[in-house]
Amino acid sequence: MMTRRGFLGAAAAPYVFAQSGRRKPNVLFLFADDMRHSTISALGAPQVRTPNLDKLAGRGVAFTRAHIMGGTSGAVCMPSRAMLHTGRTLFGIEREGQTIASDHTMMGEAFQEAGYHAFGTGKWHNGPAAFSRGFNDGENIFFGGMDDHWNVPVSHYHKAGEYPAPKPHPWDPGTSAGKQINQKVFDRVASGTHSSELFASTIVDFLKKRDRSKPFFAYSAFMAPHDPRTMPKQYLDMYPEAEIRLPENFLPEHPFDNGELRVRDEMLAAIPRDPAETRRHIGAYYAMISHLDAQIGRVLATLEETDAARDTIVVFAADNGLAVGQHGLFGKQNLYDHSVRVPLMMAGPGLPEKQKRTAFCYVLDIFPTLCDLVGVSKPASVQGKSFQTVIEKPSSRTRDHVHTAYRHLQRAVSTDRYKLIEYNVGGKRRNQLFDLWQDPWEKSDLSGAQAKRVQSMRGLLGQWRTELGDTRPEFGGKFWAGG
């Protein structure tokens, strides 16, 4: 029987699930790769064409200050995805996010225990055994971090988690997006199936053929807009280089050594950054997003065509952001907002429409929130905080601050207005303080002029270290404990 805890606002909802004979709503989870928070037209990015995500925002609620907690390796998406699927914090997951501990209940497992058909497709960066725990069905699964979008080596689902290595496809991982944007590449890939189309088609097929006697938890983890940035040429043509604007915080180089200036992502473009080359990268990034948006549109249309839309909560989010020229950076191995803030939207019966929420939340909070929304018991291993009350009451808050970390090199804390980033490079501390109300692009460092505020916010970082266990030597525990 539906309860207030089990389903948000059932008394006020225009449709009640009990009327359809379904005990619980479906969940369709669409997850992007390397998609920055500021890349959806309806949410303040008019230069990016995202008509289908715009429609989703129009019939749901957007969380404009959603964050990841950071990363313990250069492949930030590994721990980010582990946090999403376990609801655990950065220092509460196993082995730098590469595997998921057997005693950490996964989101798909919790839904299966509640009677759901759990189906997964797309990118999985946390080990084959974990995938087969989290889902009791799936197809076209990519076990890895990145690959040629047009020839993705995918696997069929195997319940025992035994996945032979798919035959690799020829691909040069050192090829930058800038080198890929030419007619020869589009001629070469014309015969392939793009990853966004492949995974969207897999979800479409599932929606059409699913067992309708059970509610479903369907998860599609797209590989876009992660590089190599190739897509059907018609989408790249939507973004002529001459019309691409450089971001307000574009710099030829980062102003100081942040400890990770030569990681792979930073080497995809020349240093110092050339404005023309940067515009080409930005145009390709937007084109990947527009192509992804079109595939999401196919999925959402199928949801309508199969009469599942009114029973289904749709979630859209991403694993991390990306700089692509901001602050002189190109990657995600930093703690600026462009890399740690992500898009997050939820739409479905009983949820608010055409609304935004500015309260802090993490991607790891999605798991317990969905449990509350659909009436699934939250596992004891989950550490995240449900933001159901934020959905119900716009003025409510579940977090006063957000803390982020990158390897042993960087730590940050954000309050409603201010943000402190601290760096440990060669055993030396460096600070940046930003007023996010006055300086959302994080251009003006106030740390030299506001020493007391720096000390106060450093105290919040110390509190976080204690609460979350950020004390391990390999992540600079002794350094950060030095105050």
Protein backbone atom coordinates (compact mmCIF):
# COMPACT_ATOMS: atom_id res chain seq x y z
CA MET A 1 0.00 0.00 0.00
CA MET A 2 1.31 3.45 -0.89
CA THR A 3 2.45 5.68 1.97
CA ARG A 4 3.55 9.30 2.06
CA ARG A 5 7.11 8.13 2.61
CA GLY A 6 6.80 5.67 -0.24
CA PHE A 7 5.46 8.11 -2.80
CA LEU A 8 5.97 11.85 -2.83
CA GLY A 9 2.82 13.89 -2.49
CA ALA A 10 0.41 11.07 -3.35
CA ALA A 11 -2.57 12.97 -1.98
CA ALA A 12 -1.92 15.91 -4.30
CA ALA A 13 -0.69 13.92 -7.29
CA PRO A 14 -2.89 13.99 -10.41
CA TYR A 15 -2.30 10.28 -10.87
CA VAL A 16 -2.00 7.58 -8.23
CA PHE A 17 -0.06 4.44 -9.01
CA ALA A 18 -2.57 2.23 -7.26
CA GLN A 19 -5.08 3.11 -9.98
CA SER A 20 -3.02 1.24 -12.57
CA GLY A 21 -2.59 -1.83 -10.39
CA ARG A 22 1.12 -1.10 -10.09
CA ARG A 23 2.42 -1.20 -6.56
CA LYS A 24 5.43 1.01 -7.24
CA PRO A 25 6.49 3.40 -10.00
CA ASN A 26 9.10 2.53 -12.60
CA VAL A 27 12.47 4.30 -12.64
CA LEU A 28 14.29 5.21 -15.84
CA PHE A 29 17.81 6.47 -15.10
CA LEU A 30 19.77 8.18 -17.89
CA PHE A 31 23.41 8.92 -17.04
CA ALA A 32 25.82 11.02 -19.12
CA ASP A 33 29.61 10.92 -19.14
CA ASP A 34 31.65 14.13 -18.66
CA MET A 35 28.62 16.42 -19.02
CA ARG A 36 29.01 19.75 -17.22
CA HIS A 37 26.12 21.25 -15.27
CA SER A 38 25.96 24.30 -17.56
CA THR A 39 25.14 22.51 -20.82
CA ILE A 40 21.33 22.33 -20.91
CA SER A 41 19.60 25.13 -22.80
CA ALA A 42 16.55 25.39 -20.54
CA LEU A 43 18.79 25.65 -17.46
CA GLY A 44 20.82 28.63 -18.60
CA ALA A 45 22.92 27.43 -21.54
CA PRO A 46 21.14 28.80 -24.63
CA GLN A 47 24.18 28.14 -26.82
CA VAL A 48 23.66 24.36 -26.45
CA ARG A 49 20.76 22.80 -28.35
CA THR A 50 19.05 20.29 -26.03
CA PRO A 51 15.34 20.27 -26.91
CA ASN A 52 14.58 16.90 -25.31
CA LEU A 53 16.36 17.62 -22.04
CA ASP A 54 14.60 20.99 -22.09
CA LYS A 55 11.25 19.18 -22.24
CA LEU A 56 12.32 16.95 -19.37
CA ALA A 57 13.20 20.03 -17.31
CA GLY A 58 9.80 21.48 -18.20
CA ARG A 59 7.91 18.55 -16.77
CA GLY A 60 10.13 17.98 -13.76
CA VAL A 61 12.41 19.50 -11.16
CA ALA A 62 16.05 20.47 -11.73
CA PHE A 63 18.65 20.51 -8.96
CA THR A 64 21.00 23.31 -9.94
CA ARG A 65 23.64 22.74 -7.25
CA ALA A 66 24.18 19.01 -7.61
CA HIS A 67 27.79 17.92 -7.05
CA ILE A 68 30.02 14.92 -7.19
CA MET A 69 32.24 14.44 -4.15
CA GLY A 70 35.36 14.24 -6.28
CA GLY A 71 37.79 11.50 -7.18
CA THR A 72 40.63 9.48 -5.77
CA SER A 73 42.17 8.87 -9.20
CA GLY A 74 42.51 10.66 -12.52
CA ALA A 75 39.59 8.59 -13.83
CA VAL A 76 37.11 10.55 -11.73
CA CYS A 77 34.17 8.68 -13.23
CA MET A 78 35.12 5.41 -11.49
CA PRO A 79 34.57 6.59 -7.91
CA SER A 80 31.71 8.83 -9.04
CA ARG A 81 29.80 5.85 -10.44
CA ALA A 82 30.62 3.73 -7.40
CA MET A 83 29.18 6.48 -5.19
CA LEU A 84 26.05 6.72 -7.34
CA HIS A 85 25.32 3.00 -7.20
CA THR A 86 26.14 2.49 -3.51
CA GLY A 87 25.05 5.81 -2.03
CA ARG A 88 28.38 5.89 -0.20
CA THR A 89 30.85 8.74 0.17
CA LEU A 90 34.19 9.13 -1.58
CA PHE A 91 36.16 7.62 1.29
CA GLY A 92 33.50 5.00 1.97
CA ILE A 93 33.91 3.12 -1.30
CA GLU A 94 36.32 0.35 -2.16
CA ARG A 95 39.74 0.67 -3.82
CA GLU A 96 39.56 4.11 -5.36
CA GLY A 97 36.16 3.37 -6.85
CA GLN A 98 37.34 0.61 -9.20
CA THR A 99 35.38 -2.12 -7.45
CA ILE A 100 32.30 -2.20 -5.24
CA ALA A 101 32.55 -4.11 -1.97
CA SER A 102 30.21 -7.08 -1.57
CA ASP A 103 28.74 -5.64 1.63
CA HIS A 104 27.81 -2.36 -0.05
CA THR A 105 24.26 -2.83 -1.31
CA MET A 106 23.84 -1.39 -4.79
CA MET A 107 20.89 0.64 -6.02
CA GLY A 108 19.85 -2.06 -8.49
CA GLU A 109 20.06 -4.70 -5.76
CA ALA A 110 17.74 -2.69 -3.51
CA PHE A 111 15.23 -2.35 -6.34
CA GLN A 112 15.44 -6.06 -7.16
CA GLU A 113 14.72 -6.93 -3.54
CA ALA A 114 11.61 -4.73 -3.79
CA GLY A 115 10.33 -6.70 -6.78
CA TYR A 116 11.75 -4.65 -9.64
CA HIS A 117 13.11 -5.87 -12.96
CA ALA A 118 16.56 -4.22 -12.97
CA PHE A 119 17.94 -3.71 -16.49
CA GLY A 120 21.24 -2.08 -17.39
CA THR A 121 23.09 -1.03 -20.52
CA GLY A 122 26.02 1.18 -21.45
CA LYS A 123 29.21 2.09 -19.66
CA TRP A 124 30.12 0.25 -16.48
CA HIS A 125 33.44 1.18 -14.89
CA ASN A 126 33.22 -0.75 -11.62
CA GLY A 127 33.82 -4.39 -12.48
CA PRO A 128 31.76 -7.13 -14.18
CA ALA A 129 30.80 -8.91 -10.96
CA ALA A 130 29.26 -5.74 -9.55
CA PHE A 131 27.19 -5.22 -12.69
CA SER A 132 25.65 -8.67 -12.38
CA ARG A 133 24.85 -7.98 -8.73
CA GLY A 134 23.21 -4.69 -9.52
CA PHE A 135 21.09 -5.89 -12.43
CA ASN A 136 19.21 -9.09 -13.16
CA ASP A 137 19.07 -8.28 -16.86
CA GLY A 138 20.98 -6.21 -19.39
CA GLU A 139 22.44 -5.93 -22.86
CA ASN A 140 25.22 -4.11 -24.71
CA ILE A 141 27.38 -3.50 -21.65
CA PHE A 142 30.69 -1.67 -22.06
CA PHE A 143 33.23 -2.56 -19.37
CA GLY A 144 35.74 0.26 -19.52
CA GLY A 145 36.32 3.97 -19.32
CA MET A 146 36.47 5.14 -22.94
CA ASP A 147 36.64 3.79 -26.47
CA ASP A 148 35.84 4.55 -30.10
CA HIS A 149 32.20 5.68 -29.99
CA TRP A 150 31.52 4.06 -33.36
CA ASN A 151 32.88 0.60 -32.52
CA VAL A 152 32.25 0.04 -28.83
CA PRO A 153 33.24 -3.45 -27.61
CA VAL A 154 30.13 -4.51 -25.70
CA SER A 155 29.07 -7.66 -23.86
CA HIS A 156 25.84 -9.58 -23.39
CA TYR A 157 24.51 -9.87 -19.85
CA HIS A 158 25.78 -12.82 -17.78
CA LYS A 159 24.19 -13.44 -14.39
CA ALA A 160 27.31 -15.03 -12.90
CA GLY A 161 29.39 -12.02 -13.87
CA GLU A 162 31.61 -13.97 -16.24
CA TYR A 163 32.30 -11.72 -19.19
CA PRO A 164 34.97 -12.71 -21.70
CA ALA A 165 36.86 -9.73 -23.04
CA PRO A 166 35.11 -8.37 -26.14
CA LYS A 167 37.20 -8.24 -29.27
CA PRO A 168 38.95 -4.86 -29.27
CA HIS A 169 38.43 -2.48 -32.16
CA PRO A 170 41.23 -0.46 -33.77
CA TRP A 171 41.51 2.90 -32.06
CA ASP A 172 44.25 5.35 -31.20
CA PRO A 173 43.60 6.65 -27.64
CA GLY A 174 46.17 9.38 -28.17
CA THR A 175 44.13 11.05 -30.90
CA SER A 176 42.72 14.33 -29.65
CA ALA A 177 39.27 15.61 -30.42
CA GLY A 178 40.86 18.44 -32.36
CA LYS A 179 42.52 15.98 -34.74
CA GLN A 180 39.31 13.99 -35.08
CA ILE A 181 37.20 16.86 -36.36
CA ASN A 182 37.70 16.41 -40.08
CA GLN A 183 35.89 14.81 -43.00
CA LYS A 184 38.16 11.76 -43.08
CA VAL A 185 36.97 10.73 -39.64
CA PHE A 186 33.31 11.09 -40.54
CA ASP A 187 33.89 9.02 -43.69
CA ARG A 188 35.58 6.31 -41.61
CA VAL A 189 32.84 6.03 -39.00
CA ALA A 190 29.88 6.23 -41.34
CA SER A 191 29.38 2.45 -41.26
CA GLY A 192 29.48 2.14 -37.46
CA THR A 193 26.83 2.57 -34.78
CA HIS A 194 27.49 5.44 -32.41
CA SER A 195 27.52 4.55 -28.72
CA SER A 196 24.71 7.00 -27.90
CA GLU A 197 22.51 5.41 -30.57
CA LEU A 198 23.46 1.89 -29.48
CA PHE A 199 22.59 2.38 -25.82
CA ALA A 200 19.44 4.37 -26.58
CA SER A 201 18.27 1.63 -28.94
CA THR A 202 18.94 -0.96 -26.24
CA ILE A 203 16.72 0.88 -23.76
CA VAL A 204 14.06 1.44 -26.43
CA ASP A 205 14.03 -2.30 -27.14
CA PHE A 206 13.77 -3.06 -23.42
CA LEU A 207 10.83 -0.69 -22.97
CA LYS A 208 8.97 -2.29 -25.85
CA LYS A 209 9.54 -5.89 -24.77
CA ARG A 210 9.65 -5.63 -20.96
CA ASP A 211 7.67 -7.83 -18.60
CA ARG A 212 4.74 -5.59 -17.71
CA SER A 213 3.85 -7.60 -14.63
CA LYS A 214 6.71 -5.96 -12.73
CA PRO A 215 7.88 -2.39 -12.24
CA PHE A 216 11.27 -1.73 -13.83
CA PHE A 217 14.49 0.00 -12.84
CA ALA A 218 16.20 0.71 -16.18
CA TYR A 219 19.65 2.29 -16.27
CA SER A 220 21.43 3.56 -19.38
CA ALA A 221 24.95 4.91 -18.91
CA PHE A 222 25.93 6.77 -22.05
CA MET A 223 29.56 7.34 -23.06
CA ALA A 224 28.88 10.83 -24.43
CA PRO A 225 30.00 13.56 -24.34
CA HIS A 226 33.31 11.95 -23.24
CA ASP A 227 36.05 12.14 -25.86
CA PRO A 228 36.97 11.04 -28.47
CA ARG A 229 34.42 13.62 -29.55
CA THR A 230 32.99 12.17 -32.76
CA MET A 231 29.34 12.25 -33.73
CA PRO A 232 27.23 12.38 -36.91
CA LYS A 233 28.47 15.36 -38.87
CA GLN A 234 25.08 17.07 -38.92
CA TYR A 235 25.46 17.78 -35.19
CA LEU A 236 28.93 19.26 -35.53
CA ASP A 237 27.60 21.49 -38.30
CA MET A 238 25.21 22.98 -35.75
CA TYR A 239 28.17 24.65 -34.04
CA PRO A 240 30.32 26.63 -36.50
CA GLU A 241 33.62 27.65 -34.95
CA ALA A 242 32.98 31.33 -35.67
CA GLU A 243 29.83 31.21 -33.51
CA ILE A 244 31.41 29.54 -30.48
CA ARG A 245 32.06 31.87 -27.56
CA LEU A 246 34.97 31.26 -25.25
CA PRO A 247 33.94 31.01 -21.57
CA GLU A 248 34.35 34.07 -19.39
CA ASN A 249 37.07 32.30 -17.38
CA PHE A 250 39.07 31.11 -20.39
CA LEU A 251 42.81 31.29 -19.81
CA PRO A 252 45.77 30.24 -21.97
CA GLU A 253 47.17 28.39 -18.94
CA HIS A 254 46.18 27.65 -15.37
CA PRO A 255 47.74 30.39 -13.20
CA PHE A 256 49.70 27.96 -11.01
CA ASP A 257 50.58 24.28 -10.68
CA ASN A 258 47.56 22.46 -9.27
CA GLY A 259 49.45 19.16 -9.18
CA GLU A 260 47.73 17.67 -12.24
CA LEU A 261 48.50 19.86 -15.24
CA ARG A 262 49.91 17.09 -17.41
CA VAL A 263 47.32 14.36 -16.83
CA ARG A 264 45.87 12.79 -19.99
CA ASP A 265 42.81 15.05 -20.27
CA GLU A 266 44.99 18.17 -20.16
CA MET A 267 47.06 16.97 -23.09
CA LEU A 268 44.15 16.84 -25.56
CA ALA A 269 44.95 20.39 -26.66
CA ALA A 270 48.08 22.48 -26.98
CA ILE A 271 49.40 24.39 -23.95
CA PRO A 272 49.17 27.40 -23.88
CA ARG A 273 45.56 27.03 -25.04
CA ASP A 274 44.90 28.42 -28.49
CA PRO A 275 41.54 30.22 -28.68
CA ALA A 276 40.66 28.77 -32.09
CA GLU A 277 41.52 25.21 -31.06
CA THR A 278 39.56 25.66 -27.83
CA ARG A 279 36.51 26.83 -29.77
CA ARG A 280 36.73 23.71 -31.92
CA HIS A 281 36.81 21.52 -28.83
CA ILE A 282 33.85 23.37 -27.32
CA GLY A 283 31.87 23.05 -30.54
CA ALA A 284 32.54 19.30 -30.65
CA TYR A 285 31.59 18.99 -26.96
CA TYR A 286 28.27 20.73 -27.60
CA ALA A 287 27.70 18.61 -30.71
CA MET A 288 28.16 15.43 -28.68
CA ILE A 289 25.59 16.71 -26.19
CA SER A 290 23.08 17.61 -28.92
CA HIS A 291 23.47 14.15 -30.45
CA LEU A 292 23.02 12.57 -27.02
CA ASP A 293 19.93 14.74 -26.49
CA ALA A 294 18.42 13.39 -29.70
CA GLN A 295 18.92 9.81 -28.52
CA ILE A 296 17.38 10.62 -25.14
CA GLY A 297 14.44 12.00 -27.09
CA ARG A 298 13.98 8.58 -28.72
CA VAL A 299 13.94 6.92 -25.30
CA LEU A 300 11.44 9.38 -23.84
CA ALA A 301 9.21 9.06 -26.90
CA THR A 302 9.18 5.28 -26.46
CA LEU A 303 8.24 5.73 -22.83
CA GLU A 304 5.17 7.63 -24.02
CA GLU A 305 4.36 5.20 -26.84
CA THR A 306 4.41 2.22 -24.48
CA ASP A 307 2.09 3.94 -21.97
CA ALA A 308 4.78 3.87 -19.30
CA ALA A 309 5.44 7.61 -18.95
CA ARG A 310 2.74 8.32 -16.37
CA ASP A 311 4.05 5.47 -14.17
CA THR A 312 7.75 6.32 -14.49
CA ILE A 313 10.14 8.57 -12.63
CA VAL A 314 12.83 9.70 -15.08
CA VAL A 315 16.22 10.71 -13.69
CA PHE A 316 18.92 12.44 -15.73
CA ALA A 317 22.37 13.08 -14.28
CA ALA A 318 26.09 12.85 -15.08
CA ASP A 319 29.22 11.46 -13.46
CA ASN A 320 31.27 14.69 -13.50
CA GLY A 321 31.77 17.91 -15.42
CA LEU A 322 34.60 19.05 -17.68
CA ALA A 323 36.63 22.25 -18.10
CA VAL A 324 37.10 22.40 -21.90
CA GLY A 325 39.08 25.64 -21.72
CA GLN A 326 37.88 27.11 -18.43
CA HIS A 327 40.71 28.23 -16.14
CA GLY A 328 43.16 27.07 -18.80
CA LEU A 329 42.13 23.47 -18.12
CA PHE A 330 40.50 20.82 -20.28
CA GLY A 331 39.78 17.92 -17.93
CA LYS A 332 37.91 17.02 -14.77
CA GLN A 333 40.90 16.59 -12.44
CA ASN A 334 40.17 19.73 -10.44
CA LEU A 335 37.60 21.11 -7.98
CA TYR A 336 36.26 24.13 -9.84
CA ASP A 337 32.49 24.15 -10.32
CA HIS A 338 32.81 23.28 -14.00
CA SER A 339 34.20 19.89 -13.00
CA VAL A 340 32.38 19.00 -9.76
CA ARG A 341 28.88 20.30 -10.54
CA VAL A 342 26.64 18.13 -12.71
CA PRO A 343 23.16 18.26 -14.23
CA LEU A 344 20.44 16.52 -12.22
CA MET A 345 16.75 16.43 -13.12
CA MET A 346 13.83 14.27 -12.03
CA ALA A 347 10.43 14.10 -13.66
CA GLY A 348 7.41 11.91 -13.15
CA PRO A 349 3.97 11.69 -11.57
CA GLY A 350 3.74 13.46 -8.25
CA LEU A 351 6.95 15.43 -8.81
CA PRO A 352 6.94 19.21 -9.28
CA GLU A 353 6.93 20.57 -12.83
CA LYS A 354 8.95 23.45 -14.27
CA GLN A 355 10.73 23.98 -10.97
CA LYS A 356 14.31 24.34 -9.77
CA ARG A 357 15.94 23.62 -6.44
CA THR A 358 19.09 25.40 -5.32
CA ALA A 359 19.82 23.25 -2.25
CA PHE A 360 23.09 21.32 -2.20
CA CYS A 361 23.04 17.64 -3.01
CA TYR A 362 25.45 14.97 -4.18
CA VAL A 363 25.05 12.36 -6.90
CA LEU A 364 25.43 9.81 -4.08
CA ASP A 365 22.22 11.20 -2.56
CA ILE A 366 20.13 10.04 -5.53
CA PHE A 367 20.02 6.44 -4.26
CA PRO A 368 18.34 7.18 -0.89
CA THR A 369 16.11 9.80 -2.52
CA LEU A 370 14.74 7.29 -5.02
CA CYS A 371 14.20 4.85 -2.19
CA ASP A 372 12.01 7.41 -0.46
CA LEU A 373 10.16 8.39 -3.62
CA VAL A 374 9.15 4.86 -4.63
CA GLY A 375 8.89 3.19 -1.23
CA VAL A 376 11.99 0.99 -1.37
CA SER A 377 13.77 0.37 1.94
CA LYS A 378 17.08 2.21 2.16
CA PRO A 379 19.95 -0.27 2.77
CA ALA A 380 21.98 0.14 5.95
CA SER A 381 25.19 0.59 3.94
CA VAL A 382 23.94 3.78 2.27
CA GLN A 383 25.63 6.95 3.59
CA GLY A 384 23.94 9.54 1.37
CA LYS A 385 21.11 11.82 2.45
CA SER A 386 17.70 11.76 0.81
CA PHE A 387 16.63 15.12 -0.60
CA GLN A 388 12.95 14.19 -0.81
CA THR A 389 12.10 17.04 1.57
CA VAL A 390 13.85 19.47 -0.78
CA ILE A 391 11.59 18.30 -3.59
CA GLU A 392 8.52 18.85 -1.42
CA LYS A 393 9.60 22.15 0.12
CA PRO A 394 11.83 24.46 -1.98
CA SER A 395 13.16 26.29 1.07
CA SER A 396 14.34 23.15 2.90
CA ARG A 397 17.95 21.96 3.05
CA THR A 398 19.58 18.62 3.76
CA ARG A 399 23.17 19.90 3.51
CA ASP A 400 24.64 23.22 4.59
CA HIS A 401 27.95 22.61 2.83
CA VAL A 402 29.45 20.42 0.16
CA HIS A 403 32.99 19.09 0.35
CA THR A 404 34.99 17.80 -2.57
CA ALA A 405 38.39 16.14 -2.98
CA TYR A 406 40.77 15.20 -5.75
CA ARG A 407 43.46 12.61 -4.97
CA HIS A 408 45.98 13.82 -2.37
CA LEU A 409 46.29 17.13 -4.24
CA GLN A 410 43.13 19.19 -3.70
CA ARG A 411 40.34 19.73 -1.18
CA ALA A 412 37.41 22.16 -1.29
CA VAL A 413 34.37 23.25 0.68
CA SER A 414 31.43 25.37 -0.50
CA THR A 415 28.90 27.21 1.61
CA ASP A 416 25.86 28.88 0.11
CA ARG A 417 28.01 31.84 -0.96
CA TYR A 418 31.72 31.08 -0.61
CA LYS A 419 34.06 28.38 -1.80
CA LEU A 420 37.54 27.51 -0.56
CA ILE A 421 39.90 25.32 -2.59
CA GLU A 422 43.16 24.15 -1.01
CA TYR A 423 46.08 22.60 -2.88
CA ASN A 424 48.90 20.33 -1.79
CA VAL A 425 51.60 20.45 -4.45
CA GLY A 426 55.05 19.32 -3.37
CA GLY A 427 54.06 19.57 0.28
CA LYS A 428 53.14 23.25 0.01
CA ARG A 429 49.67 24.63 0.70
CA ARG A 430 47.93 27.11 -1.57
CA ASN A 431 44.41 28.56 -1.18
CA GLN A 432 41.74 30.03 -3.43
CA LEU A 433 38.60 31.70 -2.05
CA PHE A 434 35.69 32.63 -4.30
CA ASP A 435 32.47 34.56 -3.74
CA LEU A 436 30.10 32.43 -5.81
CA TRP A 437 27.31 35.01 -5.70
CA GLN A 438 29.45 37.76 -7.20
CA ASP A 439 31.86 35.55 -9.12
CA PRO A 440 30.18 32.36 -10.40
CA TRP A 441 32.97 31.83 -12.93
CA GLU A 442 35.51 31.60 -10.07
CA LYS A 443 37.83 34.22 -11.51
CA SER A 444 38.74 36.40 -8.52
CA ASP A 445 40.69 34.80 -5.66
CA LEU A 446 39.84 36.54 -2.36
CA SER A 447 42.01 34.40 -0.09
CA GLY A 448 44.64 37.09 0.40
CA ALA A 449 42.07 39.68 1.48
CA GLN A 450 39.86 37.45 3.65
CA ALA A 451 42.19 35.45 5.87
CA LYS A 452 39.59 35.00 8.62
CA ARG A 453 37.09 33.50 6.22
CA VAL A 454 39.76 31.16 4.89
CA GLN A 455 40.46 29.95 8.43
CA SER A 456 36.77 29.48 9.16
CA MET A 457 36.20 27.44 6.03
CA ARG A 458 39.34 25.45 6.66
CA GLY A 459 37.69 24.44 9.91
CA LEU A 460 34.79 23.00 7.89
CA LEU A 461 37.30 20.95 5.92
CA GLY A 462 38.73 19.62 9.16
CA GLN A 463 35.27 18.62 10.32
CA TRP A 464 34.75 16.77 7.03
CA ARG A 465 38.03 14.87 7.37
CA THR A 466 36.92 13.52 10.72
CA GLU A 467 33.38 12.65 9.70
CA LEU A 468 34.20 10.97 6.39
CA GLY A 469 37.56 9.41 7.17
CA ASP A 470 39.76 11.46 4.85
CA THR A 471 42.82 10.41 6.82
CA ARG A 472 44.50 7.76 4.66
CA PRO A 473 48.21 8.40 4.00
CA GLU A 474 47.93 7.78 0.26
CA PHE A 475 45.44 10.64 0.04
CA GLY A 476 47.59 13.07 1.97
CA GLY A 477 45.93 12.55 5.34
CA LYS A 478 48.89 13.86 7.34
CA PHE A 479 49.22 16.96 5.16
CA TRP A 480 45.56 17.97 5.38
CA ALA A 481 45.50 17.31 9.12
CA GLY A 482 48.25 19.88 9.47
CA GLY A 483 45.70 22.71 9.54
